[in-house]
Amino acid sequence: NLDYYKIPATSPDNKAEKPVVIGWSGSHTTIEHFETLIPVLSRLKDEFGKDIEIVVFGDESYTHKGLGIKGVAWSPETEVAVIASFDIGIMPLPDNEWSKGKCAMKGLQYMGLAVPAVLAAVGMNNDVIEEGVNGFLATTDEEWFNKLTALIKDAALRKRIGQAGRRTIEEKFSCQAKRADYVNIFLELCH
C-alpha cells in the first residue's frame, strides 16, 4: 500500500557527512541469512570504517561487536521510519527450495521506500530486480562486496536505483497497480 510506504521527507542535514547505513530487516528466525554476509560486511567495514554503519532491524537481541551492531526492535509504529533510514537494503538468502518459494518482501519494502536494494539472486527476487536498473542481485561474496561497494561510494547511484525501485513498486506491486487485476478476478468469480 503506497499510503503506508510514504517516503519521509528528507531532512536538510548534510547526509554526505554521515555514515552510509546498510540495513537488513528480519527476525531471530532468519538472522542466520543475515549472518551469511558477515565476511562481506567485515571486509566492507575494514575498507570503509566509520563511513558505514550496519543495522539489523527486527532482532533486538542481535549483537556483533566487530561490526558495531546492536539489533533494533521491530514495531509497526517504527517499521517505515527505520527502513527509510537505510541507505542500502540487503536481503541475503540461501539458494534452497524454501528460499525459492519465498516472496521478495524485504526487497519490496526497501524498494517501496526508495532504498536501493541488493538481494540474493534466488526465487522471486529474480523477477523483481532488473539488474542495475531498480536494484542489484548477488550470488557470490565477491558480487555482494562489489555491488555494495559501488553503492557505498556513489550517492547518485543510490538515489537513481532507489527511485527506480520505488517506481517499480508503484507500477507493478502496489495495491493501486493491481486494482484492475482484483476487479477482473472478482468479475470472473461472479460469472
N, C-alpha and C. Protein backbone atom coordinates (compact mmCIF):
# COMPACT_ATOMS: atom_id res chain seq x y z
N ASN A 1 0.84 -1.17 0.00
CA ASN A 1 0.00 0.00 0.00
C ASN A 1 0.88 1.23 0.00
N LEU A 2 0.74 2.06 -1.01
CA LEU A 2 1.59 3.25 -1.14
C LEU A 2 1.33 4.27 -0.04
N ASP A 3 0.13 4.25 0.55
CA ASP A 3 -0.14 5.16 1.65
C ASP A 3 0.69 4.80 2.88
N TYR A 4 0.92 3.51 3.08
CA TYR A 4 1.73 3.05 4.21
C TYR A 4 3.21 3.34 3.97
N TYR A 5 3.66 3.11 2.75
CA TYR A 5 5.07 3.31 2.42
C TYR A 5 5.32 4.69 1.85
N LYS A 6 4.97 5.70 2.62
CA LYS A 6 5.26 7.07 2.22
C LYS A 6 6.72 7.34 2.53
N ILE A 7 7.38 7.89 1.56
CA ILE A 7 8.80 8.22 1.75
C ILE A 7 8.88 9.45 2.63
N PRO A 8 9.53 9.34 3.79
CA PRO A 8 9.65 10.51 4.67
C PRO A 8 10.41 11.62 3.97
N ALA A 9 10.02 12.85 4.27
CA ALA A 9 10.73 13.99 3.72
C ALA A 9 12.17 13.96 4.22
N THR A 10 13.09 14.25 3.33
CA THR A 10 14.50 14.23 3.74
C THR A 10 14.79 15.47 4.57
N SER A 11 15.63 15.31 5.55
CA SER A 11 15.98 16.43 6.41
C SER A 11 17.05 17.28 5.72
N PRO A 12 17.16 18.53 6.13
CA PRO A 12 18.12 19.41 5.48
C PRO A 12 19.57 19.17 5.89
N ASP A 13 19.81 18.20 6.80
CA ASP A 13 21.18 17.95 7.25
C ASP A 13 22.03 17.42 6.11
N ASN A 14 23.32 17.47 6.28
CA ASN A 14 24.24 17.06 5.23
C ASN A 14 24.52 15.57 5.35
N LYS A 15 23.74 14.76 4.64
CA LYS A 15 23.86 13.30 4.71
C LYS A 15 25.23 12.83 4.27
N ALA A 16 25.89 13.57 3.41
CA ALA A 16 27.19 13.15 2.90
C ALA A 16 28.21 12.97 4.02
N GLU A 17 28.02 13.67 5.12
CA GLU A 17 28.98 13.58 6.23
C GLU A 17 28.64 12.46 7.21
N LYS A 18 27.51 11.81 7.04
CA LYS A 18 27.10 10.74 7.94
C LYS A 18 27.46 9.40 7.32
N PRO A 19 27.54 8.35 8.15
CA PRO A 19 27.84 7.04 7.58
C PRO A 19 26.72 6.55 6.67
N VAL A 20 27.10 5.76 5.68
CA VAL A 20 26.14 5.09 4.81
C VAL A 20 25.60 3.90 5.60
N VAL A 21 24.28 3.84 5.74
CA VAL A 21 23.64 2.80 6.54
C VAL A 21 23.25 1.63 5.63
N ILE A 22 23.83 0.47 5.92
CA ILE A 22 23.46 -0.78 5.25
C ILE A 22 22.53 -1.49 6.21
N GLY A 23 21.28 -1.70 5.78
CA GLY A 23 20.29 -2.25 6.68
C GLY A 23 19.73 -3.59 6.23
N TRP A 24 19.42 -4.39 7.21
CA TRP A 24 18.76 -5.68 7.00
C TRP A 24 17.53 -5.71 7.88
N SER A 25 16.42 -6.19 7.35
CA SER A 25 15.19 -6.32 8.11
C SER A 25 14.81 -7.80 8.17
N GLY A 26 14.54 -8.29 9.38
CA GLY A 26 14.19 -9.69 9.54
C GLY A 26 13.90 -9.98 11.00
N SER A 27 13.99 -11.24 11.37
CA SER A 27 13.72 -11.62 12.76
C SER A 27 14.77 -12.62 13.23
N HIS A 28 14.64 -13.03 14.47
CA HIS A 28 15.59 -14.01 15.01
C HIS A 28 15.51 -15.33 14.23
N THR A 29 14.38 -15.59 13.57
CA THR A 29 14.23 -16.85 12.83
C THR A 29 14.99 -16.83 11.50
N THR A 30 15.35 -15.65 11.02
CA THR A 30 16.07 -15.56 9.75
C THR A 30 17.42 -14.86 9.88
N ILE A 31 17.86 -14.61 11.11
CA ILE A 31 19.14 -13.93 11.32
C ILE A 31 20.30 -14.72 10.71
N GLU A 32 20.13 -16.04 10.61
CA GLU A 32 21.18 -16.86 10.00
C GLU A 32 21.43 -16.45 8.55
N HIS A 33 20.40 -15.94 7.87
CA HIS A 33 20.59 -15.47 6.49
C HIS A 33 21.45 -14.22 6.48
N PHE A 34 21.16 -13.29 7.39
CA PHE A 34 22.00 -12.09 7.53
C PHE A 34 23.44 -12.48 7.79
N GLU A 35 23.63 -13.45 8.68
CA GLU A 35 24.99 -13.83 9.09
C GLU A 35 25.82 -14.44 7.97
N THR A 36 25.18 -14.90 6.89
CA THR A 36 25.96 -15.40 5.76
C THR A 36 26.78 -14.28 5.12
N LEU A 37 26.40 -13.03 5.37
CA LEU A 37 27.12 -11.88 4.80
C LEU A 37 28.18 -11.31 5.74
N ILE A 38 28.36 -11.90 6.92
CA ILE A 38 29.34 -11.36 7.87
C ILE A 38 30.73 -11.21 7.23
N PRO A 39 31.23 -12.20 6.46
CA PRO A 39 32.55 -11.99 5.84
C PRO A 39 32.58 -10.78 4.90
N VAL A 40 31.52 -10.59 4.14
CA VAL A 40 31.45 -9.45 3.22
C VAL A 40 31.35 -8.15 4.01
N LEU A 41 30.49 -8.11 5.01
CA LEU A 41 30.32 -6.90 5.81
C LEU A 41 31.59 -6.56 6.58
N SER A 42 32.31 -7.58 7.03
CA SER A 42 33.59 -7.35 7.71
C SER A 42 34.60 -6.72 6.76
N ARG A 43 34.64 -7.22 5.53
CA ARG A 43 35.52 -6.64 4.52
C ARG A 43 35.16 -5.18 4.23
N LEU A 44 33.85 -4.92 4.15
CA LEU A 44 33.40 -3.55 3.90
C LEU A 44 33.76 -2.65 5.08
N LYS A 45 33.62 -3.17 6.30
CA LYS A 45 33.97 -2.38 7.49
C LYS A 45 35.48 -2.09 7.50
N ASP A 46 36.28 -3.08 7.11
CA ASP A 46 37.73 -2.85 7.01
C ASP A 46 38.04 -1.78 5.98
N GLU A 47 37.31 -1.79 4.88
CA GLU A 47 37.54 -0.85 3.78
C GLU A 47 37.04 0.56 4.09
N PHE A 48 35.84 0.66 4.69
CA PHE A 48 35.20 1.97 4.84
C PHE A 48 35.14 2.47 6.29
N GLY A 49 35.42 1.61 7.25
CA GLY A 49 35.45 2.03 8.65
C GLY A 49 34.19 2.74 9.10
N LYS A 50 34.38 3.92 9.67
CA LYS A 50 33.26 4.69 10.22
C LYS A 50 32.38 5.33 9.15
N ASP A 51 32.74 5.16 7.89
CA ASP A 51 31.92 5.70 6.80
C ASP A 51 30.69 4.83 6.52
N ILE A 52 30.64 3.64 7.16
CA ILE A 52 29.45 2.80 7.03
C ILE A 52 28.96 2.39 8.41
N GLU A 53 27.66 2.14 8.48
CA GLU A 53 27.02 1.62 9.68
C GLU A 53 26.12 0.47 9.23
N ILE A 54 26.06 -0.57 10.02
CA ILE A 54 25.24 -1.74 9.68
C ILE A 54 24.14 -1.88 10.72
N VAL A 55 22.91 -1.97 10.24
CA VAL A 55 21.75 -2.04 11.13
C VAL A 55 21.01 -3.35 10.89
N VAL A 56 20.71 -4.04 11.99
CA VAL A 56 19.86 -5.23 11.98
C VAL A 56 18.55 -4.82 12.62
N PHE A 57 17.48 -4.83 11.82
CA PHE A 57 16.17 -4.39 12.27
C PHE A 57 15.24 -5.59 12.38
N GLY A 58 14.74 -5.83 13.59
CA GLY A 58 13.78 -6.91 13.78
C GLY A 58 14.22 -7.95 14.78
N ASP A 59 15.52 -8.04 15.04
CA ASP A 59 16.04 -8.96 16.05
C ASP A 59 16.78 -8.13 17.08
N GLU A 60 16.03 -7.64 18.06
CA GLU A 60 16.60 -6.71 19.03
C GLU A 60 17.69 -7.33 19.91
N SER A 61 17.75 -8.64 19.97
CA SER A 61 18.76 -9.29 20.81
C SER A 61 20.09 -9.49 20.06
N TYR A 62 20.10 -9.18 18.76
CA TYR A 62 21.29 -9.44 17.96
C TYR A 62 22.39 -8.41 18.23
N THR A 63 23.61 -8.91 18.42
CA THR A 63 24.77 -8.03 18.53
C THR A 63 25.93 -8.64 17.75
N HIS A 64 26.77 -7.78 17.26
CA HIS A 64 28.03 -8.20 16.64
C HIS A 64 29.04 -7.11 16.94
N LYS A 65 29.90 -7.38 17.91
CA LYS A 65 30.84 -6.37 18.40
C LYS A 65 31.77 -5.89 17.29
N GLY A 66 32.30 -6.81 16.51
CA GLY A 66 33.25 -6.43 15.46
C GLY A 66 32.68 -5.48 14.42
N LEU A 67 31.38 -5.61 14.16
CA LEU A 67 30.73 -4.74 13.18
C LEU A 67 29.96 -3.60 13.84
N GLY A 68 29.99 -3.56 15.18
CA GLY A 68 29.30 -2.48 15.89
C GLY A 68 27.79 -2.55 15.78
N ILE A 69 27.23 -3.76 15.72
CA ILE A 69 25.79 -3.92 15.53
C ILE A 69 25.12 -4.24 16.86
N LYS A 70 24.07 -3.49 17.15
CA LYS A 70 23.14 -3.83 18.22
C LYS A 70 21.76 -3.80 17.57
N GLY A 71 21.07 -4.95 17.59
CA GLY A 71 19.78 -5.08 16.93
C GLY A 71 18.76 -4.05 17.38
N VAL A 72 17.89 -3.69 16.45
CA VAL A 72 16.82 -2.73 16.70
C VAL A 72 15.50 -3.49 16.69
N ALA A 73 14.68 -3.26 17.70
CA ALA A 73 13.39 -3.95 17.81
C ALA A 73 12.44 -3.51 16.70
N TRP A 74 11.67 -4.48 16.19
CA TRP A 74 10.64 -4.18 15.21
C TRP A 74 9.36 -3.77 15.91
N SER A 75 8.69 -2.79 15.35
CA SER A 75 7.32 -2.47 15.77
C SER A 75 6.61 -1.86 14.57
N PRO A 76 5.29 -2.01 14.50
CA PRO A 76 4.57 -1.44 13.36
C PRO A 76 4.68 0.09 13.34
N GLU A 77 4.87 0.68 14.49
CA GLU A 77 4.97 2.14 14.57
C GLU A 77 6.30 2.67 14.01
N THR A 78 7.35 1.85 14.09
CA THR A 78 8.68 2.33 13.66
C THR A 78 9.16 1.72 12.35
N GLU A 79 8.43 0.71 11.84
CA GLU A 79 8.91 -0.03 10.68
C GLU A 79 9.29 0.88 9.50
N VAL A 80 8.41 1.74 9.08
CA VAL A 80 8.67 2.58 7.92
C VAL A 80 9.85 3.52 8.17
N ALA A 81 9.87 4.15 9.33
CA ALA A 81 10.95 5.11 9.63
C ALA A 81 12.31 4.42 9.67
N VAL A 82 12.38 3.25 10.28
CA VAL A 82 13.67 2.56 10.38
C VAL A 82 14.15 2.13 8.99
N ILE A 83 13.28 1.50 8.21
CA ILE A 83 13.70 1.06 6.88
C ILE A 83 14.05 2.26 6.01
N ALA A 84 13.29 3.34 6.13
CA ALA A 84 13.59 4.55 5.35
C ALA A 84 14.93 5.17 5.73
N SER A 85 15.43 4.85 6.93
CA SER A 85 16.72 5.40 7.36
C SER A 85 17.90 4.65 6.72
N PHE A 86 17.63 3.50 6.09
CA PHE A 86 18.68 2.75 5.41
C PHE A 86 19.10 3.50 4.14
N ASP A 87 20.38 3.48 3.84
CA ASP A 87 20.86 3.98 2.55
C ASP A 87 20.93 2.85 1.54
N ILE A 88 21.07 1.62 2.05
CA ILE A 88 21.12 0.41 1.22
C ILE A 88 20.41 -0.69 2.01
N GLY A 89 19.53 -1.43 1.34
CA GLY A 89 18.86 -2.56 1.98
C GLY A 89 19.41 -3.86 1.42
N ILE A 90 19.62 -4.84 2.29
CA ILE A 90 20.17 -6.13 1.85
C ILE A 90 19.22 -7.27 2.19
N MET A 91 19.22 -8.28 1.32
CA MET A 91 18.40 -9.47 1.54
C MET A 91 19.17 -10.71 1.10
N PRO A 92 20.10 -11.17 1.94
CA PRO A 92 20.77 -12.44 1.63
C PRO A 92 19.85 -13.61 1.93
N LEU A 93 19.93 -14.63 1.10
CA LEU A 93 19.17 -15.87 1.28
C LEU A 93 19.99 -17.05 0.81
N PRO A 94 19.77 -18.21 1.40
CA PRO A 94 20.42 -19.41 0.86
C PRO A 94 19.69 -19.80 -0.43
N ASP A 95 20.41 -20.48 -1.31
CA ASP A 95 19.80 -20.96 -2.55
C ASP A 95 19.27 -22.36 -2.30
N ASN A 96 18.05 -22.43 -1.73
CA ASN A 96 17.43 -23.73 -1.45
C ASN A 96 15.95 -23.68 -1.80
N GLU A 97 15.27 -24.79 -1.68
CA GLU A 97 13.86 -24.86 -2.08
C GLU A 97 12.99 -23.91 -1.26
N TRP A 98 13.26 -23.79 0.04
CA TRP A 98 12.49 -22.89 0.89
C TRP A 98 12.61 -21.45 0.39
N SER A 99 13.83 -21.00 0.11
CA SER A 99 14.05 -19.63 -0.36
C SER A 99 13.44 -19.39 -1.72
N LYS A 100 13.48 -20.40 -2.57
CA LYS A 100 12.90 -20.25 -3.91
C LYS A 100 11.40 -20.01 -3.84
N GLY A 101 10.76 -20.43 -2.76
CA GLY A 101 9.33 -20.22 -2.60
C GLY A 101 8.98 -18.95 -1.83
N LYS A 102 9.99 -18.23 -1.37
CA LYS A 102 9.74 -17.01 -0.59
C LYS A 102 9.34 -15.85 -1.48
N CYS A 103 8.54 -14.99 -0.91
CA CYS A 103 8.23 -13.71 -1.54
C CYS A 103 9.44 -12.80 -1.35
N ALA A 104 9.59 -11.81 -2.17
CA ALA A 104 10.70 -10.86 -2.07
C ALA A 104 10.35 -9.71 -1.13
N MET A 105 9.62 -10.01 -0.05
CA MET A 105 9.04 -8.96 0.79
C MET A 105 10.05 -7.93 1.28
N LYS A 106 11.17 -8.36 1.82
CA LYS A 106 12.15 -7.38 2.31
C LYS A 106 12.57 -6.44 1.19
N GLY A 107 12.87 -7.03 0.04
CA GLY A 107 13.26 -6.21 -1.11
C GLY A 107 12.17 -5.25 -1.53
N LEU A 108 10.93 -5.74 -1.54
CA LEU A 108 9.80 -4.88 -1.91
C LEU A 108 9.64 -3.74 -0.91
N GLN A 109 9.87 -4.03 0.37
CA GLN A 109 9.79 -2.97 1.38
C GLN A 109 10.87 -1.92 1.15
N TYR A 110 12.10 -2.36 0.93
CA TYR A 110 13.17 -1.40 0.67
C TYR A 110 12.82 -0.54 -0.53
N MET A 111 12.44 -1.21 -1.62
CA MET A 111 12.14 -0.50 -2.87
C MET A 111 10.96 0.45 -2.69
N GLY A 112 9.97 0.05 -1.91
CA GLY A 112 8.81 0.90 -1.67
C GLY A 112 9.16 2.20 -0.98
N LEU A 113 10.28 2.19 -0.25
CA LEU A 113 10.74 3.39 0.44
C LEU A 113 11.93 4.03 -0.28
N ALA A 114 12.15 3.65 -1.53
CA ALA A 114 13.21 4.22 -2.37
C ALA A 114 14.60 3.94 -1.81
N VAL A 115 14.74 2.82 -1.09
CA VAL A 115 16.05 2.39 -0.58
C VAL A 115 16.62 1.41 -1.60
N PRO A 116 17.79 1.70 -2.16
CA PRO A 116 18.36 0.78 -3.14
C PRO A 116 18.63 -0.58 -2.49
N ALA A 117 18.25 -1.63 -3.21
CA ALA A 117 18.29 -2.98 -2.65
C ALA A 117 19.31 -3.85 -3.36
N VAL A 118 20.02 -4.66 -2.56
CA VAL A 118 20.87 -5.72 -3.08
C VAL A 118 20.30 -7.01 -2.50
N LEU A 119 19.82 -7.87 -3.39
CA LEU A 119 19.12 -9.09 -2.97
C LEU A 119 19.83 -10.32 -3.48
N ALA A 120 19.69 -11.41 -2.75
CA ALA A 120 20.20 -12.70 -3.22
C ALA A 120 19.48 -13.05 -4.52
N ALA A 121 20.21 -13.59 -5.47
CA ALA A 121 19.64 -13.96 -6.77
C ALA A 121 18.93 -15.31 -6.64
N VAL A 122 17.84 -15.31 -5.88
CA VAL A 122 17.10 -16.53 -5.56
C VAL A 122 15.61 -16.25 -5.70
N GLY A 123 14.89 -17.19 -6.28
CA GLY A 123 13.43 -17.15 -6.31
C GLY A 123 12.86 -15.87 -6.91
N MET A 124 11.82 -15.35 -6.24
CA MET A 124 11.10 -14.18 -6.75
C MET A 124 11.98 -12.95 -6.88
N ASN A 125 13.07 -12.87 -6.12
CA ASN A 125 13.98 -11.73 -6.24
C ASN A 125 14.40 -11.52 -7.70
N ASN A 126 14.58 -12.63 -8.41
CA ASN A 126 14.98 -12.55 -9.82
C ASN A 126 13.89 -11.94 -10.69
N ASP A 127 12.64 -12.04 -10.26
CA ASP A 127 11.52 -11.48 -11.02
C ASP A 127 11.30 -10.00 -10.70
N VAL A 128 11.74 -9.57 -9.53
CA VAL A 128 11.51 -8.20 -9.07
C VAL A 128 12.62 -7.27 -9.55
N ILE A 129 13.85 -7.74 -9.49
CA ILE A 129 15.00 -6.88 -9.78
C ILE A 129 15.39 -6.93 -11.25
N GLU A 130 15.51 -5.76 -11.84
CA GLU A 130 16.11 -5.60 -13.15
C GLU A 130 17.53 -5.10 -12.88
N GLU A 131 18.49 -5.97 -13.01
CA GLU A 131 19.87 -5.75 -12.59
C GLU A 131 20.42 -4.39 -13.02
N GLY A 132 20.85 -3.62 -12.02
CA GLY A 132 21.47 -2.32 -12.28
C GLY A 132 20.49 -1.23 -12.65
N VAL A 133 19.20 -1.56 -12.71
CA VAL A 133 18.18 -0.56 -13.05
C VAL A 133 17.38 -0.18 -11.81
N ASN A 134 16.77 -1.19 -11.16
CA ASN A 134 15.97 -0.91 -9.96
C ASN A 134 16.52 -1.61 -8.72
N GLY A 135 17.70 -2.18 -8.84
CA GLY A 135 18.34 -2.88 -7.73
C GLY A 135 19.44 -3.76 -8.25
N PHE A 136 19.99 -4.57 -7.35
CA PHE A 136 21.07 -5.48 -7.73
C PHE A 136 20.81 -6.86 -7.16
N LEU A 137 21.29 -7.87 -7.89
CA LEU A 137 21.25 -9.26 -7.44
C LEU A 137 22.68 -9.73 -7.21
N ALA A 138 22.86 -10.55 -6.19
CA ALA A 138 24.19 -11.06 -5.89
C ALA A 138 24.11 -12.53 -5.49
N THR A 139 25.14 -13.26 -5.87
CA THR A 139 25.23 -14.68 -5.52
C THR A 139 26.48 -14.95 -4.69
N THR A 140 27.63 -14.53 -5.20
CA THR A 140 28.90 -14.80 -4.53
C THR A 140 29.27 -13.67 -3.57
N ASP A 141 30.17 -13.96 -2.64
CA ASP A 141 30.66 -12.92 -1.74
C ASP A 141 31.27 -11.77 -2.53
N GLU A 142 31.97 -12.09 -3.61
CA GLU A 142 32.61 -11.04 -4.42
C GLU A 142 31.56 -10.14 -5.07
N GLU A 143 30.46 -10.74 -5.55
CA GLU A 143 29.38 -9.92 -6.12
C GLU A 143 28.76 -9.03 -5.05
N TRP A 144 28.49 -9.57 -3.88
CA TRP A 144 27.95 -8.77 -2.78
C TRP A 144 28.89 -7.61 -2.47
N PHE A 145 30.18 -7.92 -2.34
CA PHE A 145 31.15 -6.89 -1.98
C PHE A 145 31.20 -5.80 -3.04
N ASN A 146 31.29 -6.18 -4.31
CA ASN A 146 31.43 -5.20 -5.39
C ASN A 146 30.18 -4.33 -5.53
N LYS A 147 29.01 -4.93 -5.42
CA LYS A 147 27.77 -4.16 -5.59
C LYS A 147 27.54 -3.23 -4.40
N LEU A 148 27.81 -3.72 -3.20
CA LEU A 148 27.68 -2.85 -2.03
C LEU A 148 28.72 -1.74 -2.06
N THR A 149 29.93 -2.05 -2.48
CA THR A 149 30.97 -1.02 -2.60
C THR A 149 30.55 0.08 -3.56
N ALA A 150 30.03 -0.31 -4.71
CA ALA A 150 29.59 0.69 -5.70
C ALA A 150 28.52 1.61 -5.10
N LEU A 151 27.58 1.04 -4.37
CA LEU A 151 26.52 1.85 -3.76
C LEU A 151 27.05 2.71 -2.62
N ILE A 152 27.96 2.19 -1.83
CA ILE A 152 28.54 2.98 -0.74
C ILE A 152 29.26 4.20 -1.30
N LYS A 153 30.00 4.01 -2.36
CA LYS A 153 30.83 5.08 -2.93
C LYS A 153 30.04 6.12 -3.71
N ASP A 154 28.85 5.80 -4.17
CA ASP A 154 28.16 6.66 -5.14
C ASP A 154 26.75 7.01 -4.69
N ALA A 155 26.60 8.19 -4.07
CA ALA A 155 25.29 8.64 -3.59
C ALA A 155 24.31 8.82 -4.75
N ALA A 156 24.79 9.26 -5.89
CA ALA A 156 23.91 9.44 -7.05
C ALA A 156 23.37 8.10 -7.53
N LEU A 157 24.21 7.07 -7.51
CA LEU A 157 23.76 5.72 -7.88
C LEU A 157 22.70 5.24 -6.90
N ARG A 158 22.94 5.44 -5.61
CA ARG A 158 21.94 5.05 -4.60
C ARG A 158 20.61 5.72 -4.87
N LYS A 159 20.65 7.00 -5.18
CA LYS A 159 19.42 7.75 -5.43
C LYS A 159 18.72 7.24 -6.68
N ARG A 160 19.47 7.03 -7.76
CA ARG A 160 18.87 6.57 -9.02
C ARG A 160 18.25 5.20 -8.86
N ILE A 161 18.97 4.27 -8.24
CA ILE A 161 18.45 2.91 -8.05
C ILE A 161 17.25 2.94 -7.10
N GLY A 162 17.33 3.73 -6.04
CA GLY A 162 16.22 3.84 -5.09
C GLY A 162 14.96 4.38 -5.74
N GLN A 163 15.09 5.41 -6.55
CA GLN A 163 13.93 5.98 -7.23
C GLN A 163 13.34 4.99 -8.24
N ALA A 164 14.20 4.27 -8.95
CA ALA A 164 13.71 3.27 -9.91
C ALA A 164 13.01 2.13 -9.17
N GLY A 165 13.51 1.76 -8.01
CA GLY A 165 12.86 0.73 -7.20
C GLY A 165 11.47 1.18 -6.77
N ARG A 166 11.36 2.42 -6.33
CA ARG A 166 10.05 2.96 -5.93
C ARG A 166 9.08 2.93 -7.11
N ARG A 167 9.55 3.34 -8.30
CA ARG A 167 8.69 3.30 -9.49
C ARG A 167 8.22 1.88 -9.79
N THR A 168 9.11 0.91 -9.61
CA THR A 168 8.73 -0.50 -9.82
C THR A 168 7.59 -0.89 -8.89
N ILE A 169 7.66 -0.49 -7.65
CA ILE A 169 6.61 -0.80 -6.69
C ILE A 169 5.31 -0.11 -7.11
N GLU A 170 5.40 1.17 -7.45
CA GLU A 170 4.21 1.92 -7.86
C GLU A 170 3.54 1.29 -9.07
N GLU A 171 4.34 0.87 -10.05
CA GLU A 171 3.81 0.39 -11.32
C GLU A 171 3.43 -1.09 -11.34
N LYS A 172 4.07 -1.92 -10.50
CA LYS A 172 3.86 -3.35 -10.60
C LYS A 172 3.36 -4.04 -9.34
N PHE A 173 3.64 -3.50 -8.17
CA PHE A 173 3.38 -4.25 -6.94
C PHE A 173 2.46 -3.55 -5.94
N SER A 174 2.06 -2.34 -6.21
CA SER A 174 1.20 -1.63 -5.26
C SER A 174 -0.26 -2.07 -5.41
N CYS A 175 -1.04 -1.82 -4.38
CA CYS A 175 -2.49 -2.09 -4.46
C CYS A 175 -3.10 -1.31 -5.62
N GLN A 176 -2.62 -0.09 -5.81
CA GLN A 176 -3.14 0.75 -6.89
C GLN A 176 -2.85 0.12 -8.25
N ALA A 177 -1.65 -0.43 -8.42
CA ALA A 177 -1.28 -1.04 -9.70
C ALA A 177 -2.05 -2.33 -9.94
N LYS A 178 -2.43 -3.02 -8.89
CA LYS A 178 -3.12 -4.31 -9.00
C LYS A 178 -4.64 -4.18 -8.98
N ARG A 179 -5.15 -2.97 -8.85
CA ARG A 179 -6.60 -2.75 -8.74
C ARG A 179 -7.37 -3.43 -9.87
N ALA A 180 -6.95 -3.23 -11.11
CA ALA A 180 -7.66 -3.81 -12.26
C ALA A 180 -7.63 -5.34 -12.19
N ASP A 181 -6.51 -5.91 -11.76
CA ASP A 181 -6.43 -7.37 -11.63
C ASP A 181 -7.46 -7.88 -10.62
N TYR A 182 -7.57 -7.20 -9.49
CA TYR A 182 -8.52 -7.61 -8.46
C TYR A 182 -9.95 -7.53 -8.98
N VAL A 183 -10.25 -6.45 -9.69
CA VAL A 183 -11.60 -6.27 -10.23
C VAL A 183 -11.90 -7.39 -11.24
N ASN A 184 -10.95 -7.68 -12.12
CA ASN A 184 -11.16 -8.74 -13.13
C ASN A 184 -11.38 -10.11 -12.48
N ILE A 185 -10.62 -10.41 -11.45
CA ILE A 185 -10.79 -11.68 -10.73
C ILE A 185 -12.18 -11.75 -10.11
N PHE A 186 -12.57 -10.66 -9.49
CA PHE A 186 -13.90 -10.59 -8.85
C PHE A 186 -14.99 -10.79 -9.89
N LEU A 187 -14.86 -10.11 -11.03
CA LEU A 187 -15.88 -10.23 -12.09
C LEU A 187 -15.94 -11.65 -12.64
N GLU A 188 -14.78 -12.30 -12.79
CA GLU A 188 -14.76 -13.67 -13.27
C GLU A 188 -15.44 -14.62 -12.27
N LEU A 189 -15.24 -14.37 -11.00
CA LEU A 189 -15.86 -15.22 -9.97
C LEU A 189 -17.38 -15.04 -9.93
N CYS A 190 -17.83 -13.87 -10.32
CA CYS A 190 -19.27 -13.58 -10.30
C CYS A 190 -20.00 -14.20 -11.49
N HIS A 191 -19.29 -14.61 -12.49
CA HIS A 191 -19.95 -15.18 -13.68
C HIS A 191 -20.03 -16.67 -13.64
